[in-house]
Protein backbone atom coordinates (compact mmCIF):
# COMPACT_ATOMS: atom_id res chain seq x y z
CA MET A 1 -25.81 71.39 -147.26
CA GLY A 2 -28.60 70.99 -144.86
CA ALA A 3 -28.88 73.23 -141.97
CA ASN A 4 -25.59 73.71 -141.32
CA SER A 5 -24.51 76.30 -138.11
CA LYS A 6 -21.96 79.23 -138.68
CA ALA A 7 -19.27 77.21 -136.89
CA GLU A 8 -19.72 74.62 -139.95
CA ILE A 9 -19.79 76.58 -142.72
CA ARG A 10 -16.79 77.97 -141.31
CA SER A 11 -14.78 75.04 -140.79
CA GLN A 12 -15.79 73.54 -144.45
CA ALA A 13 -11.67 73.62 -145.68
CA ALA A 14 -8.40 74.21 -144.77
CA ALA A 15 -6.46 77.31 -146.02
CA THR A 16 -4.60 75.65 -148.65
CA GLY A 17 -7.02 71.91 -149.14
CA ASN A 18 -9.51 70.85 -151.47
CA PRO A 19 -13.18 71.58 -149.64
CA LYS A 20 -14.86 69.11 -151.85
CA PRO A 21 -13.79 66.22 -153.93
CA GLY A 22 -14.11 66.53 -157.48
CA ILE A 23 -13.65 70.04 -157.11
CA PRO A 24 -10.31 71.46 -159.28
CA ASN A 25 -7.53 71.71 -156.62
CA ALA A 26 -5.42 73.50 -159.12
CA LEU A 27 -7.98 76.40 -159.21
CA LEU A 28 -8.58 76.93 -155.30
CA ARG A 29 -4.80 76.16 -154.92
CA GLY A 30 -3.78 78.34 -157.32
CA TYR A 31 -5.85 81.17 -156.16
CA LEU A 32 -4.63 80.77 -152.77
CA GLU A 33 -1.39 80.75 -154.33
CA HIS A 34 -2.07 84.17 -155.68
CA LEU A 35 -3.48 85.94 -153.07
CA SER A 36 -0.66 84.56 -150.67
CA ASN A 37 2.55 85.66 -152.88
CA GLU A 38 1.12 87.87 -155.40
CA ARG A 39 -1.30 89.67 -153.70
CA ARG A 40 0.74 89.10 -150.22
CA LEU A 41 -2.30 89.09 -148.30
CA SER A 42 -1.88 87.65 -145.00
CA ARG A 43 -2.58 83.89 -143.72
CA HIS A 44 -5.18 84.45 -142.26
CA THR A 45 -6.81 86.61 -144.62
CA VAL A 46 -5.93 83.42 -147.30
CA GLU A 47 -7.54 81.40 -144.58
CA ASN A 48 -10.78 83.67 -144.97
CA TYR A 49 -10.97 83.56 -148.06
CA ALA A 50 -10.31 79.71 -148.47
CA ARG A 51 -13.53 79.08 -146.08
CA ASP A 52 -15.57 81.29 -147.98
CA ILE A 53 -14.70 79.82 -151.19
CA ALA A 54 -15.20 76.32 -149.96
CA ALA A 55 -18.89 77.26 -148.54
CA LEU A 56 -19.71 78.11 -152.34
CA LEU A 57 -18.33 75.20 -153.66
CA GLU A 58 -20.23 73.34 -151.03
CA LEU A 59 -23.89 75.30 -151.87
CA ALA A 60 -22.81 74.98 -155.53
CA ASP A 61 -23.08 71.28 -154.56
CA GLY A 62 -22.24 69.05 -158.16
CA THR A 63 -22.75 72.38 -160.37
CA GLY A 64 -19.83 73.38 -162.27
CA LEU A 65 -17.79 76.36 -161.80
CA LYS A 66 -18.21 77.04 -165.32
CA GLN A 67 -22.36 76.96 -164.96
CA LEU A 68 -22.54 78.72 -162.19
CA GLU A 69 -25.08 81.80 -163.23
CA VAL A 70 -26.03 85.48 -161.03
CA HIS A 71 -28.90 83.57 -160.06
CA HIS A 72 -27.37 80.72 -158.79
CA ALA A 73 -24.73 83.00 -156.59
CA ARG A 74 -28.23 85.29 -155.11
CA ARG A 75 -29.68 82.18 -154.34
CA TYR A 76 -26.55 80.85 -152.29
CA VAL A 77 -26.52 84.22 -150.48
CA ALA A 78 -30.10 83.96 -149.69
CA GLN A 79 -29.68 80.62 -148.14
CA LEU A 80 -26.28 81.68 -146.14
CA HIS A 81 -28.40 84.57 -144.64
CA ALA A 82 -31.77 82.20 -143.88
CA ARG A 83 -29.16 80.50 -141.99
CA GLY A 84 -28.32 83.57 -139.63
CA LEU A 85 -24.82 84.96 -140.99
CA ASP A 86 -24.83 88.88 -141.17
CA GLY A 87 -24.60 91.28 -143.98
CA ARG A 88 -21.08 92.25 -142.88
CA SER A 89 -20.21 88.29 -143.23
CA LEU A 90 -22.03 87.92 -146.17
CA ALA A 91 -20.36 90.94 -147.44
CA ARG A 92 -16.98 89.38 -146.99
CA MET A 93 -18.16 86.04 -148.63
CA LEU A 94 -19.12 87.96 -151.42
CA SER A 95 -15.85 89.89 -151.97
CA ALA A 96 -14.20 86.19 -151.68
CA TRP A 97 -16.51 84.68 -154.20
CA ARG A 98 -16.18 87.98 -156.74
CA GLY A 99 -12.14 87.64 -156.57
CA PHE A 100 -11.97 84.07 -156.86
CA PHE A 101 -13.78 84.10 -160.01
CA ASN A 102 -12.16 87.56 -161.48
CA TYR A 103 -8.99 85.28 -161.21
CA LEU A 104 -10.97 82.67 -162.83
CA VAL A 105 -12.18 85.06 -165.79
CA ARG A 106 -8.81 86.61 -166.16
CA VAL A 107 -5.77 83.40 -165.64
CA HIS A 108 -8.00 80.69 -166.59
CA GLY A 109 -10.34 81.28 -169.51
CA PHE A 110 -13.65 81.66 -167.33
CA VAL A 111 -16.33 83.70 -169.16
CA ASN A 112 -17.95 85.08 -166.64
CA ASN A 113 -18.03 86.27 -162.78
CA PRO A 114 -21.74 85.50 -161.26
CA CYS A 115 -20.92 87.21 -158.53
CA VAL A 116 -20.70 90.83 -160.14
CA GLY A 117 -23.41 92.97 -159.11
CA ILE A 118 -25.01 91.28 -156.19
CA ARG A 119 -25.21 93.03 -153.27
CA ARG A 120 -25.48 91.41 -149.42
CA PRO A 121 -28.64 91.54 -147.93
CA GLY A 122 -29.56 94.45 -145.97
CA PRO A 123 -32.57 96.78 -145.40
CA GLN A 124 -33.84 98.25 -148.34
CA SER A 125 -34.06 102.32 -148.60
CA GLY A 126 -37.39 102.61 -147.83
CA CYS A 127 -37.46 100.22 -144.35
CA ARG A 128 -35.01 102.41 -142.69
CA THR A 129 -36.21 103.97 -139.80
CA ARG A 130 -34.78 107.73 -138.69
CA SER A 131 -35.91 109.88 -136.34
CA ARG A 132 -36.14 113.61 -137.56
CA PRO A 133 -34.42 116.69 -135.76
CA THR A 134 -37.60 118.22 -134.27
CA ARG A 135 -37.79 121.86 -134.85
CA ARG A 136 -37.11 124.19 -132.11
CA ILE A 137 -39.57 127.35 -132.24
CA ALA A 138 -37.81 130.54 -130.59
């Protein structure tokens, strides 16, 4: 995808359009319809999920959905983080990706979800700085 900005990443696809030629339209459309009709999510939420999944498909760039593994998804998250996406945006993207793959496993017979167990980048537990309360001497 090159060095695309956040705006370019977010504008990859329309809510129901195909983000990339060659990717099965029916899978993405089916998932978006599931979100809209069965889960009754708002139009804006469905559009956000479509953009987030479009970013995944663009990052996959030729790798089939069934061939994606955990190391691919981790690399994609790291690439997006390096481009400046913050933790909240990455968490939302991972949520969209997990949901999409859960749908593919449940409805379309995919074997695995490559996004399970991946955590968004954030401060390591040992790197957090906290001020300690001072003790009062009575």
